[in-house]
Structure formats: C-alpha cells, structure tokens
Amino acid sequence: LFLDEPTASLDPSATREIEAVIRAFDAAGTKIVMATHNLGQARRLGD
C-alpha cells in the first residue's frame, strides 16, 4: 500500500483515525510505503 501524504490536510482527530487504519493494514501483513513531511507521523508509523 502506497500512501502519498494521506493526512496532510486533516485535523488531529481525523489524522488519528487515518493512522489507526494504516496500523491495521500493517498488522494484516500489508507492506506500507508512505510519503510524508511530518516528523511525528514518521516516528509513529515508520520502521
């Protein structure tokens, strides 16, 4: 799953919801490749 700045225009609440879905993809075994300029998001979601 490629994700191109998926939360760039979202508020913090909506961002948390999207990140929860991304974690579900990861837990289901999907390889996540995500572009972001958000340092906090990179820390939270990246390996």
ModelCIF file with pLDDT and N, C-alpha, C, O atoms, coordinates in Angstrom:
data_MODEL
#
_entry.id   MODEL 
#
_entity.id                         1 
_entity.type                       polymer 
_entity.pdbx_number_of_molecules   1 
#
_entity_poly.entity_id                      1 
_entity_poly.type                           'polypeptide(L)' 
_entity_poly.nstd_linkage                   no 
_entity_poly.nstd_monomer                   no 
_entity_poly.pdbx_seq_one_letter_code       LFLDEPTASLDPSATREIEAVIRAFDAAGTKIVMATHNLGQARRLGD 
_entity_poly.pdbx_seq_one_letter_code_can   LFLDEPTASLDPSATREIEAVIRAFDAAGTKIVMATHNLGQARRLGD 
_entity_poly.pdbx_strand_id                 A 
#
loop_
_entity_poly_seq.entity_id 
_entity_poly_seq.num 
_entity_poly_seq.mon_id 
_entity_poly_seq.hetero 
1 1  LEU n 
1 2  PHE n 
1 3  LEU n 
1 4  ASP n 
1 5  GLU n 
1 6  PRO n 
1 7  THR n 
1 8  ALA n 
1 9  SER n 
1 10 LEU n 
1 11 ASP n 
1 12 PRO n 
1 13 SER n 
1 14 ALA n 
1 15 THR n 
1 16 ARG n 
1 17 GLU n 
1 18 ILE n 
1 19 GLU n 
1 20 ALA n 
1 21 VAL n 
1 22 ILE n 
1 23 ARG n 
1 24 ALA n 
1 25 PHE n 
1 26 ASP n 
1 27 ALA n 
1 28 ALA n 
1 29 GLY n 
1 30 THR n 
1 31 LYS n 
1 32 ILE n 
1 33 VAL n 
1 34 MET n 
1 35 ALA n 
1 36 THR n 
1 37 HIS n 
1 38 ASN n 
1 39 LEU n 
1 40 GLY n 
1 41 GLN n 
1 42 ALA n 
1 43 ARG n 
1 44 ARG n 
1 45 LEU n 
1 46 GLY n 
1 47 ASP n 
#
_struct_asym.id          A 
_struct_asym.entity_id   1 
#
loop_
_ma_qa_metric.id 
_ma_qa_metric.mode 
_ma_qa_metric.name 
_ma_qa_metric.software_group_id 
_ma_qa_metric.type 
1 global pLDDT . pLDDT 
2 local  pLDDT . pLDDT 
#
_ma_qa_metric_global.metric_id      1 
_ma_qa_metric_global.metric_value   94.06 
_ma_qa_metric_global.model_id       1 
_ma_qa_metric_global.ordinal_id     1 
#
loop_
_ma_qa_metric_local.label_asym_id 
_ma_qa_metric_local.label_comp_id 
_ma_qa_metric_local.label_seq_id 
_ma_qa_metric_local.metric_id 
_ma_qa_metric_local.metric_value 
_ma_qa_metric_local.model_id 
_ma_qa_metric_local.ordinal_id 
A LEU 1  2 97.00 1 1  
A PHE 2  2 97.00 1 2  
A LEU 3  2 97.00 1 3  
A ASP 4  2 95.00 1 4  
A GLU 5  2 93.00 1 5  
A PRO 6  2 92.00 1 6  
A THR 7  2 92.00 1 7  
A ALA 8  2 87.00 1 8  
A SER 9  2 83.00 1 9  
A LEU 10 2 90.00 1 10 
A ASP 11 2 91.00 1 11 
A PRO 12 2 93.00 1 12 
A SER 13 2 93.00 1 13 
A ALA 14 2 92.00 1 14 
A THR 15 2 94.00 1 15 
A ARG 16 2 94.00 1 16 
A GLU 17 2 93.00 1 17 
A ILE 18 2 94.00 1 18 
A GLU 19 2 95.00 1 19 
A ALA 20 2 95.00 1 20 
A VAL 21 2 94.00 1 21 
A ILE 22 2 96.00 1 22 
A ARG 23 2 95.00 1 23 
A ALA 24 2 94.00 1 24 
A PHE 25 2 95.00 1 25 
A ASP 26 2 95.00 1 26 
A ALA 27 2 94.00 1 27 
A ALA 28 2 93.00 1 28 
A GLY 29 2 94.00 1 29 
A THR 30 2 96.00 1 30 
A LYS 31 2 97.00 1 31 
A ILE 32 2 97.00 1 32 
A VAL 33 2 98.00 1 33 
A MET 34 2 97.00 1 34 
A ALA 35 2 96.00 1 35 
A THR 36 2 94.00 1 36 
A HIS 37 2 91.00 1 37 
A ASN 38 2 92.00 1 38 
A LEU 39 2 94.00 1 39 
A GLY 40 2 93.00 1 40 
A GLN 41 2 94.00 1 41 
A ALA 42 2 95.00 1 42 
A ARG 43 2 95.00 1 43 
A ARG 44 2 96.00 1 44 
A LEU 45 2 96.00 1 45 
A GLY 46 2 96.00 1 46 
A ASP 47 2 97.00 1 47 
#
loop_
_atom_site.group_PDB 
_atom_site.id 
_atom_site.type_symbol 
_atom_site.label_atom_id 
_atom_site.label_alt_id 
_atom_site.label_comp_id 
_atom_site.label_asym_id 
_atom_site.label_entity_id 
_atom_site.label_seq_id 
_atom_site.pdbx_PDB_ins_code 
_atom_site.Cartn_x 
_atom_site.Cartn_y 
_atom_site.Cartn_z 
_atom_site.occupancy 
_atom_site.B_iso_or_equiv 
_atom_site.pdbx_formal_charge 
_atom_site.auth_seq_id 
_atom_site.auth_comp_id 
_atom_site.auth_asym_id 
_atom_site.auth_atom_id 
_atom_site.pdbx_PDB_model_num 
ATOM 1   N N  . LEU A 1 1  ? 0.851  -1.187 0.000  1.00 97.00 ? 1  LEU A N  1 
ATOM 2   C CA . LEU A 1 1  ? 0.000  0.000  0.000  1.00 97.00 ? 1  LEU A CA 1 
ATOM 3   C C  . LEU A 1 1  ? 0.887  1.237  0.000  1.00 97.00 ? 1  LEU A C  1 
ATOM 4   O O  . LEU A 1 1  ? 1.645  1.468  0.942  1.00 97.00 ? 1  LEU A O  1 
ATOM 5   N N  . PHE A 1 2  ? 0.787  2.029  -1.061 1.00 97.00 ? 2  PHE A N  1 
ATOM 6   C CA . PHE A 1 2  ? 1.480  3.304  -1.152 1.00 97.00 ? 2  PHE A CA 1 
ATOM 7   C C  . PHE A 1 2  ? 0.551  4.405  -0.654 1.00 97.00 ? 2  PHE A C  1 
ATOM 8   O O  . PHE A 1 2  ? -0.611 4.474  -1.054 1.00 97.00 ? 2  PHE A O  1 
ATOM 9   N N  . LEU A 1 3  ? 1.063  5.254  0.210  1.00 97.00 ? 3  LEU A N  1 
ATOM 10  C CA . LEU A 1 3  ? 0.277  6.344  0.783  1.00 97.00 ? 3  LEU A CA 1 
ATOM 11  C C  . LEU A 1 3  ? 1.030  7.652  0.555  1.00 97.00 ? 3  LEU A C  1 
ATOM 12  O O  . LEU A 1 3  ? 2.152  7.829  1.029  1.00 97.00 ? 3  LEU A O  1 
ATOM 13  N N  . ASP A 1 4  ? 0.394  8.562  -0.177 1.00 95.00 ? 4  ASP A N  1 
ATOM 14  C CA . ASP A 1 4  ? 1.044  9.831  -0.512 1.00 95.00 ? 4  ASP A CA 1 
ATOM 15  C C  . ASP A 1 4  ? 0.474  10.950 0.356  1.00 95.00 ? 4  ASP A C  1 
ATOM 16  O O  . ASP A 1 4  ? -0.579 11.508 0.046  1.00 95.00 ? 4  ASP A O  1 
ATOM 17  N N  . GLU A 1 5  ? 1.170  11.275 1.440  1.00 93.00 ? 5  GLU A N  1 
ATOM 18  C CA . GLU A 1 5  ? 0.747  12.340 2.361  1.00 93.00 ? 5  GLU A CA 1 
ATOM 19  C C  . GLU A 1 5  ? -0.730 12.180 2.731  1.00 93.00 ? 5  GLU A C  1 
ATOM 20  O O  . GLU A 1 5  ? -1.511 13.106 2.514  1.00 93.00 ? 5  GLU A O  1 
ATOM 21  N N  . PRO A 1 6  ? -1.132 11.036 3.280  1.00 92.00 ? 6  PRO A N  1 
ATOM 22  C CA . PRO A 1 6  ? -2.566 10.759 3.460  1.00 92.00 ? 6  PRO A CA 1 
ATOM 23  C C  . PRO A 1 6  ? -3.272 11.620 4.491  1.00 92.00 ? 6  PRO A C  1 
ATOM 24  O O  . PRO A 1 6  ? -4.502 11.655 4.515  1.00 92.00 ? 6  PRO A O  1 
ATOM 25  N N  . THR A 1 7  ? -2.527 12.320 5.350  1.00 92.00 ? 7  THR A N  1 
ATOM 26  C CA . THR A 1 7  ? -3.182 13.136 6.386  1.00 92.00 ? 7  THR A CA 1 
ATOM 27  C C  . THR A 1 7  ? -2.784 14.605 6.292  1.00 92.00 ? 7  THR A C  1 
ATOM 28  O O  . THR A 1 7  ? -2.971 15.353 7.251  1.00 92.00 ? 7  THR A O  1 
ATOM 29  N N  . ALA A 1 8  ? -2.243 15.027 5.163  1.00 87.00 ? 8  ALA A N  1 
ATOM 30  C CA . ALA A 1 8  ? -1.664 16.374 5.070  1.00 87.00 ? 8  ALA A CA 1 
ATOM 31  C C  . ALA A 1 8  ? -2.672 17.484 5.329  1.00 87.00 ? 8  ALA A C  1 
ATOM 32  O O  . ALA A 1 8  ? -2.300 18.539 5.844  1.00 87.00 ? 8  ALA A O  1 
ATOM 33  N N  . SER A 1 9  ? -3.940 17.272 4.985  1.00 83.00 ? 9  SER A N  1 
ATOM 34  C CA . SER A 1 9  ? -4.944 18.333 5.129  1.00 83.00 ? 9  SER A CA 1 
ATOM 35  C C  . SER A 1 9  ? -5.936 18.058 6.250  1.00 83.00 ? 9  SER A C  1 
ATOM 36  O O  . SER A 1 9  ? -7.001 18.675 6.298  1.00 83.00 ? 9  SER A O  1 
ATOM 37  N N  . LEU A 1 10 ? -5.600 17.140 7.152  1.00 90.00 ? 10 LEU A N  1 
ATOM 38  C CA . LEU A 1 10 ? -6.556 16.723 8.174  1.00 90.00 ? 10 LEU A CA 1 
ATOM 39  C C  . LEU A 1 10 ? -6.228 17.311 9.545  1.00 90.00 ? 10 LEU A C  1 
ATOM 40  O O  . LEU A 1 10 ? -5.078 17.632 9.846  1.00 90.00 ? 10 LEU A O  1 
ATOM 41  N N  . ASP A 1 11 ? -7.275 17.443 10.369 1.00 91.00 ? 11 ASP A N  1 
ATOM 42  C CA . ASP A 1 11 ? -7.067 17.896 11.739 1.00 91.00 ? 11 ASP A CA 1 
ATOM 43  C C  . ASP A 1 11 ? -6.561 16.719 12.581 1.00 91.00 ? 11 ASP A C  1 
ATOM 44  O O  . ASP A 1 11 ? -6.582 15.578 12.118 1.00 91.00 ? 11 ASP A O  1 
ATOM 45  N N  . PRO A 1 12 ? -6.110 16.982 13.808 1.00 93.00 ? 12 PRO A N  1 
ATOM 46  C CA . PRO A 1 12 ? -5.510 15.909 14.610 1.00 93.00 ? 12 PRO A CA 1 
ATOM 47  C C  . PRO A 1 12 ? -6.428 14.714 14.840 1.00 93.00 ? 12 PRO A C  1 
ATOM 48  O O  . PRO A 1 12 ? -5.960 13.575 14.839 1.00 93.00 ? 12 PRO A O  1 
ATOM 49  N N  . SER A 1 13 ? -7.728 14.948 15.038 1.00 93.00 ? 13 SER A N  1 
ATOM 50  C CA . SER A 1 13 ? -8.650 13.840 15.275 1.00 93.00 ? 13 SER A CA 1 
ATOM 51  C C  . SER A 1 13 ? -8.763 12.950 14.049 1.00 93.00 ? 13 SER A C  1 
ATOM 52  O O  . SER A 1 13 ? -8.684 11.726 14.159 1.00 93.00 ? 13 SER A O  1 
ATOM 53  N N  . ALA A 1 14 ? -8.947 13.557 12.883 1.00 92.00 ? 14 ALA A N  1 
ATOM 54  C CA . ALA A 1 14 ? -9.048 12.777 11.644 1.00 92.00 ? 14 ALA A CA 1 
ATOM 55  C C  . ALA A 1 14 ? -7.724 12.083 11.341 1.00 92.00 ? 14 ALA A C  1 
ATOM 56  O O  . ALA A 1 14 ? -7.705 10.964 10.827 1.00 92.00 ? 14 ALA A O  1 
ATOM 57  N N  . THR A 1 15 ? -6.622 12.748 11.661 1.00 94.00 ? 15 THR A N  1 
ATOM 58  C CA . THR A 1 15 ? -5.303 12.138 11.447 1.00 94.00 ? 15 THR A CA 1 
ATOM 59  C C  . THR A 1 15 ? -5.161 10.870 12.272 1.00 94.00 ? 15 THR A C  1 
ATOM 60  O O  . THR A 1 15 ? -4.660 9.862  11.775 1.00 94.00 ? 15 THR A O  1 
ATOM 61  N N  . ARG A 1 16 ? -5.596 10.907 13.529 1.00 94.00 ? 16 ARG A N  1 
ATOM 62  C CA . ARG A 1 16 ? -5.517 9.715  14.387 1.00 94.00 ? 16 ARG A CA 1 
ATOM 63  C C  . ARG A 1 16 ? -6.337 8.568  13.796 1.00 94.00 ? 16 ARG A C  1 
ATOM 64  O O  . ARG A 1 16 ? -5.917 7.412  13.838 1.00 94.00 ? 16 ARG A O  1 
ATOM 65  N N  . GLU A 1 17 ? -7.507 8.895  13.245 1.00 93.00 ? 17 GLU A N  1 
ATOM 66  C CA . GLU A 1 17 ? -8.355 7.853  12.654 1.00 93.00 ? 17 GLU A CA 1 
ATOM 67  C C  . GLU A 1 17 ? -7.667 7.215  11.446 1.00 93.00 ? 17 GLU A C  1 
ATOM 68  O O  . GLU A 1 17 ? -7.694 5.994  11.291 1.00 93.00 ? 17 GLU A O  1 
ATOM 69  N N  . ILE A 1 18 ? -7.060 8.027  10.602 1.00 94.00 ? 18 ILE A N  1 
ATOM 70  C CA . ILE A 1 18 ? -6.356 7.504  9.424  1.00 94.00 ? 18 ILE A CA 1 
ATOM 71  C C  . ILE A 1 18 ? -5.164 6.662  9.854  1.00 94.00 ? 18 ILE A C  1 
ATOM 72  O O  . ILE A 1 18 ? -4.920 5.594  9.292  1.00 94.00 ? 18 ILE A O  1 
ATOM 73  N N  . GLU A 1 19 ? -4.419 7.139  10.849 1.00 95.00 ? 19 GLU A N  1 
ATOM 74  C CA . GLU A 1 19 ? -3.251 6.387  11.308 1.00 95.00 ? 19 GLU A CA 1 
ATOM 75  C C  . GLU A 1 19 ? -3.659 5.033  11.897 1.00 95.00 ? 19 GLU A C  1 
ATOM 76  O O  . GLU A 1 19 ? -2.931 4.049  11.765 1.00 95.00 ? 19 GLU A O  1 
ATOM 77  N N  . ALA A 1 20 ? -4.820 4.989  12.544 1.00 95.00 ? 20 ALA A N  1 
ATOM 78  C CA . ALA A 1 20 ? -5.302 3.710  13.085 1.00 95.00 ? 20 ALA A CA 1 
ATOM 79  C C  . ALA A 1 20 ? -5.578 2.723  11.958 1.00 95.00 ? 20 ALA A C  1 
ATOM 80  O O  . ALA A 1 20 ? -5.288 1.534  12.092 1.00 95.00 ? 20 ALA A O  1 
ATOM 81  N N  . VAL A 1 21 ? -6.134 3.204  10.852 1.00 94.00 ? 21 VAL A N  1 
ATOM 82  C CA . VAL A 1 21 ? -6.389 2.332  9.709  1.00 94.00 ? 21 VAL A CA 1 
ATOM 83  C C  . VAL A 1 21 ? -5.067 1.863  9.102  1.00 94.00 ? 21 VAL A C  1 
ATOM 84  O O  . VAL A 1 21 ? -4.933 0.697  8.731  1.00 94.00 ? 21 VAL A O  1 
ATOM 85  N N  . ILE A 1 22 ? -4.102 2.758  9.002  1.00 96.00 ? 22 ILE A N  1 
ATOM 86  C CA . ILE A 1 22 ? -2.797 2.380  8.449  1.00 96.00 ? 22 ILE A CA 1 
ATOM 87  C C  . ILE A 1 22 ? -2.151 1.294  9.311  1.00 96.00 ? 22 ILE A C  1 
ATOM 88  O O  . ILE A 1 22 ? -1.556 0.355  8.783  1.00 96.00 ? 22 ILE A O  1 
ATOM 89  N N  . ARG A 1 23 ? -2.267 1.420  10.623 1.00 95.00 ? 23 ARG A N  1 
ATOM 90  C CA . ARG A 1 23 ? -1.721 0.373  11.512 1.00 95.00 ? 23 ARG A CA 1 
ATOM 91  C C  . ARG A 1 23 ? -2.438 -0.949 11.293 1.00 95.00 ? 23 ARG A C  1 
ATOM 92  O O  . ARG A 1 23 ? -1.819 -2.010 11.380 1.00 95.00 ? 23 ARG A O  1 
ATOM 93  N N  . ALA A 1 24 ? -3.747 -0.900 11.007 1.00 94.00 ? 24 ALA A N  1 
ATOM 94  C CA . ALA A 1 24 ? -4.498 -2.132 10.749 1.00 94.00 ? 24 ALA A CA 1 
ATOM 95  C C  . ALA A 1 24 ? -4.001 -2.810 9.476  1.00 94.00 ? 24 ALA A C  1 
ATOM 96  O O  . ALA A 1 24 ? -3.885 -4.035 9.430  1.00 94.00 ? 24 ALA A O  1 
ATOM 97  N N  . PHE A 1 25 ? -3.709 -2.027 8.450  1.00 95.00 ? 25 PHE A N  1 
ATOM 98  C CA . PHE A 1 25 ? -3.113 -2.589 7.240  1.00 95.00 ? 25 PHE A CA 1 
ATOM 99  C C  . PHE A 1 25 ? -1.796 -3.287 7.576  1.00 95.00 ? 25 PHE A C  1 
ATOM 100 O O  . PHE A 1 25 ? -1.547 -4.417 7.155  1.00 95.00 ? 25 PHE A O  1 
ATOM 101 N N  . ASP A 1 26 ? -0.969 -2.592 8.336  1.00 95.00 ? 26 ASP A N  1 
ATOM 102 C CA . ASP A 1 26 ? 0.340  -3.133 8.714  1.00 95.00 ? 26 ASP A CA 1 
ATOM 103 C C  . ASP A 1 26 ? 0.174  -4.434 9.495  1.00 95.00 ? 26 ASP A C  1 
ATOM 104 O O  . ASP A 1 26 ? 0.880  -5.409 9.238  1.00 95.00 ? 26 ASP A O  1 
ATOM 105 N N  . ALA A 1 27 ? -0.758 -4.450 10.447 1.00 94.00 ? 27 ALA A N  1 
ATOM 106 C CA . ALA A 1 27 ? -0.989 -5.647 11.259 1.00 94.00 ? 27 ALA A CA 1 
ATOM 107 C C  . ALA A 1 27 ? -1.514 -6.810 10.422 1.00 94.00 ? 27 ALA A C  1 
ATOM 108 O O  . ALA A 1 27 ? -1.302 -7.974 10.760 1.00 94.00 ? 27 ALA A O  1 
ATOM 109 N N  . ALA A 1 28 ? -2.211 -6.482 9.313  1.00 93.00 ? 28 ALA A N  1 
ATOM 110 C CA . ALA A 1 28 ? -2.756 -7.526 8.436  1.00 93.00 ? 28 ALA A CA 1 
ATOM 111 C C  . ALA A 1 28 ? -1.709 -8.065 7.463  1.00 93.00 ? 28 ALA A C  1 
ATOM 112 O O  . ALA A 1 28 ? -1.995 -8.970 6.679  1.00 93.00 ? 28 ALA A O  1 
ATOM 113 N N  . GLY A 1 29 ? -0.495 -7.508 7.514  1.00 94.00 ? 29 GLY A N  1 
ATOM 114 C CA . GLY A 1 29 ? 0.585  -8.022 6.679  1.00 94.00 ? 29 GLY A CA 1 
ATOM 115 C C  . GLY A 1 29 ? 0.848  -7.246 5.405  1.00 94.00 ? 29 GLY A C  1 
ATOM 116 O O  . GLY A 1 29 ? 1.671  -7.662 4.589  1.00 94.00 ? 29 GLY A O  1 
ATOM 117 N N  . THR A 1 30 ? 0.161  -6.118 5.216  1.00 96.00 ? 30 THR A N  1 
ATOM 118 C CA . THR A 1 30 ? 0.411  -5.282 4.038  1.00 96.00 ? 30 THR A CA 1 
ATOM 119 C C  . THR A 1 30 ? 1.678  -4.459 4.248  1.00 96.00 ? 30 THR A C  1 
ATOM 120 O O  . THR A 1 30 ? 1.865  -3.862 5.308  1.00 96.00 ? 30 THR A O  1 
ATOM 121 N N  . LYS A 1 31 ? 2.530  -4.428 3.259  1.00 97.00 ? 31 LYS A N  1 
ATOM 122 C CA . LYS A 1 31 ? 3.717  -3.579 3.294  1.00 97.00 ? 31 LYS A CA 1 
ATOM 123 C C  . LYS A 1 31 ? 3.287  -2.132 3.100  1.00 97.00 ? 31 LYS A C  1 
ATOM 124 O O  . LYS A 1 31 ? 2.648  -1.809 2.099  1.00 97.00 ? 31 LYS A O  1 
ATOM 125 N N  . ILE A 1 32 ? 3.624  -1.260 4.038  1.00 97.00 ? 32 ILE A N  1 
ATOM 126 C CA . ILE A 1 32 ? 3.286  0.156  3.975  1.00 97.00 ? 32 ILE A CA 1 
ATOM 127 C C  . ILE A 1 32 ? 4.484  0.940  3.448  1.00 97.00 ? 32 ILE A C  1 
ATOM 128 O O  . ILE A 1 32 ? 5.594  0.827  3.969  1.00 97.00 ? 32 ILE A O  1 
ATOM 129 N N  . VAL A 1 33 ? 4.242  1.736  2.409  1.00 98.00 ? 33 VAL A N  1 
ATOM 130 C CA . VAL A 1 33 ? 5.237  2.690  1.908  1.00 98.00 ? 33 VAL A CA 1 
ATOM 131 C C  . VAL A 1 33 ? 4.550  4.042  1.888  1.00 98.00 ? 33 VAL A C  1 
ATOM 132 O O  . VAL A 1 33 ? 3.655  4.263  1.072  1.00 98.00 ? 33 VAL A O  1 
ATOM 133 N N  . MET A 1 34 ? 4.948  4.955  2.771  1.00 97.00 ? 34 MET A N  1 
ATOM 134 C CA . MET A 1 34 ? 4.222  6.205  2.942  1.00 97.00 ? 34 MET A CA 1 
ATOM 135 C C  . MET A 1 34 ? 5.137  7.409  2.809  1.00 97.00 ? 34 MET A C  1 
ATOM 136 O O  . MET A 1 34 ? 6.212  7.461  3.406  1.00 97.00 ? 34 MET A O  1 
ATOM 137 N N  . ALA A 1 35 ? 4.694  8.374  2.018  1.00 96.00 ? 35 ALA A N  1 
ATOM 138 C CA . ALA A 1 35 ? 5.400  9.644  1.895  1.00 96.00 ? 35 ALA A CA 1 
ATOM 139 C C  . ALA A 1 35 ? 4.807  10.646 2.866  1.00 96.00 ? 35 ALA A C  1 
ATOM 140 O O  . ALA A 1 35 ? 3.588  10.776 2.972  1.00 96.00 ? 35 ALA A O  1 
ATOM 141 N N  . THR A 1 36 ? 5.674  11.352 3.574  1.00 94.00 ? 36 THR A N  1 
ATOM 142 C CA . THR A 1 36 ? 5.214  12.391 4.491  1.00 94.00 ? 36 THR A CA 1 
ATOM 143 C C  . THR A 1 36 ? 6.341  13.378 4.739  1.00 94.00 ? 36 THR A C  1 
ATOM 144 O O  . THR A 1 36 ? 7.515  13.059 4.551  1.00 94.00 ? 36 THR A O  1 
ATOM 145 N N  . HIS A 1 37 ? 5.970  14.594 5.167  1.00 91.00 ? 37 HIS A N  1 
ATOM 146 C CA . HIS A 1 37 ? 6.980  15.526 5.676  1.00 91.00 ? 37 HIS A CA 1 
ATOM 147 C C  . HIS A 1 37 ? 6.788  15.726 7.180  1.00 91.00 ? 37 HIS A C  1 
ATOM 148 O O  . HIS A 1 37 ? 7.452  16.559 7.796  1.00 91.00 ? 37 HIS A O  1 
ATOM 149 N N  . ASN A 1 38 ? 5.864  14.945 7.764  1.00 92.00 ? 38 ASN A N  1 
ATOM 150 C CA . ASN A 1 38 ? 5.511  15.075 9.175  1.00 92.00 ? 38 ASN A CA 1 
ATOM 151 C C  . ASN A 1 38 ? 6.437  14.207 10.022 1.00 92.00 ? 38 ASN A C  1 
ATOM 152 O O  . ASN A 1 38 ? 6.363  12.979 9.971  1.00 92.00 ? 38 ASN A O  1 
ATOM 153 N N  . LEU A 1 39 ? 7.299  14.842 10.793 1.00 94.00 ? 39 LEU A N  1 
ATOM 154 C CA . LEU A 1 39 ? 8.280  14.101 11.580 1.00 94.00 ? 39 LEU A CA 1 
ATOM 155 C C  . LEU A 1 39 ? 7.617  13.218 12.635 1.00 94.00 ? 39 LEU A C  1 
ATOM 156 O O  . LEU A 1 39 ? 8.033  12.078 12.844 1.00 94.00 ? 39 LEU A O  1 
ATOM 157 N N  . GLY A 1 40 ? 6.589  13.742 13.298 1.00 93.00 ? 40 GLY A N  1 
ATOM 158 C CA . GLY A 1 40 ? 5.900  12.956 14.315 1.00 93.00 ? 40 GLY A CA 1 
ATOM 159 C C  . GLY A 1 40 ? 5.236  11.730 13.722 1.00 93.00 ? 40 GLY A C  1 
ATOM 160 O O  . GLY A 1 40 ? 5.269  10.653 14.317 1.00 93.00 ? 40 GLY A O  1 
ATOM 161 N N  . GLN A 1 41 ? 4.641  11.885 12.568 1.00 94.00 ? 41 GLN A N  1 
ATOM 162 C CA . GLN A 1 41 ? 3.989  10.760 11.905 1.00 94.00 ? 41 GLN A CA 1 
ATOM 163 C C  . GLN A 1 41 ? 5.013  9.713  11.483 1.00 94.00 ? 41 GLN A C  1 
ATOM 164 O O  . GLN A 1 41 ? 4.760  8.514  11.594 1.00 94.00 ? 41 GLN A O  1 
ATOM 165 N N  . ALA A 1 42 ? 6.151  10.156 11.008 1.00 95.00 ? 42 ALA A N  1 
ATOM 166 C CA . ALA A 1 42 ? 7.213  9.213  10.636 1.00 95.00 ? 42 ALA A CA 1 
ATOM 167 C C  . ALA A 1 42 ? 7.642  8.390  11.847 1.00 95.00 ? 42 ALA A C  1 
ATOM 168 O O  . ALA A 1 42 ? 7.870  7.185  11.735 1.00 95.00 ? 42 ALA A O  1 
ATOM 169 N N  . ARG A 1 43 ? 7.748  9.034  12.993 1.00 95.00 ? 43 ARG A N  1 
ATOM 170 C CA . ARG A 1 43 ? 8.124  8.317  14.223 1.00 95.00 ? 43 ARG A CA 1 
ATOM 171 C C  . ARG A 1 43 ? 7.042  7.320  14.629 1.00 95.00 ? 43 ARG A C  1 
ATOM 172 O O  . ARG A 1 43 ? 7.344  6.201  15.044 1.00 95.00 ? 43 ARG A O  1 
ATOM 173 N N  . ARG A 1 44 ? 5.776  7.735  14.505 1.00 96.00 ? 44 ARG A N  1 
ATOM 174 C CA . ARG A 1 44 ? 4.674  6.888  14.965 1.00 96.00 ? 44 ARG A CA 1 
ATOM 175 C C  . ARG A 1 44 ? 4.445  5.667  14.076 1.00 96.00 ? 44 ARG A C  1 
ATOM 176 O O  . ARG A 1 44 ? 4.130  4.586  14.575 1.00 96.00 ? 44 ARG A O  1 
ATOM 177 N N  . LEU A 1 45 ? 4.600  5.831  12.786 1.00 96.00 ? 45 LEU A N  1 
ATOM 178 C CA . LEU A 1 45 ? 4.183  4.782  11.852 1.00 96.00 ? 45 LEU A CA 1 
ATOM 179 C C  . LEU A 1 45 ? 5.324  4.047  11.166 1.00 96.00 ? 45 LEU A C  1 
ATOM 180 O O  . LEU A 1 45 ? 5.107  2.982  10.588 1.00 96.00 ? 45 LEU A O  1 
ATOM 181 N N  . GLY A 1 46 ? 6.518  4.585  11.216 1.00 96.00 ? 46 GLY A N  1 
ATOM 182 C CA . GLY A 1 46 ? 7.596  4.010  10.431 1.00 96.00 ? 46 GLY A CA 1 
ATOM 183 C C  . GLY A 1 46 ? 8.480  3.038  11.188 1.00 96.00 ? 46 GLY A C  1 
ATOM 184 O O  . GLY A 1 46 ? 8.719  3.183  12.387 1.00 96.00 ? 46 GLY A O  1 
ATOM 185 N N  . ASP A 1 47 ? 8.956  2.048  10.458 1.00 97.00 ? 47 ASP A N  1 
ATOM 186 C CA . ASP A 1 47 ? 10.028 1.188  10.955 1.00 97.00 ? 47 ASP A CA 1 
ATOM 187 C C  . ASP A 1 47 ? 11.373 1.655  10.421 1.00 97.00 ? 47 ASP A C  1 
ATOM 188 O O  . ASP A 1 47 ? 12.403 1.055  10.730 1.00 97.00 ? 47 ASP A O  1 
#
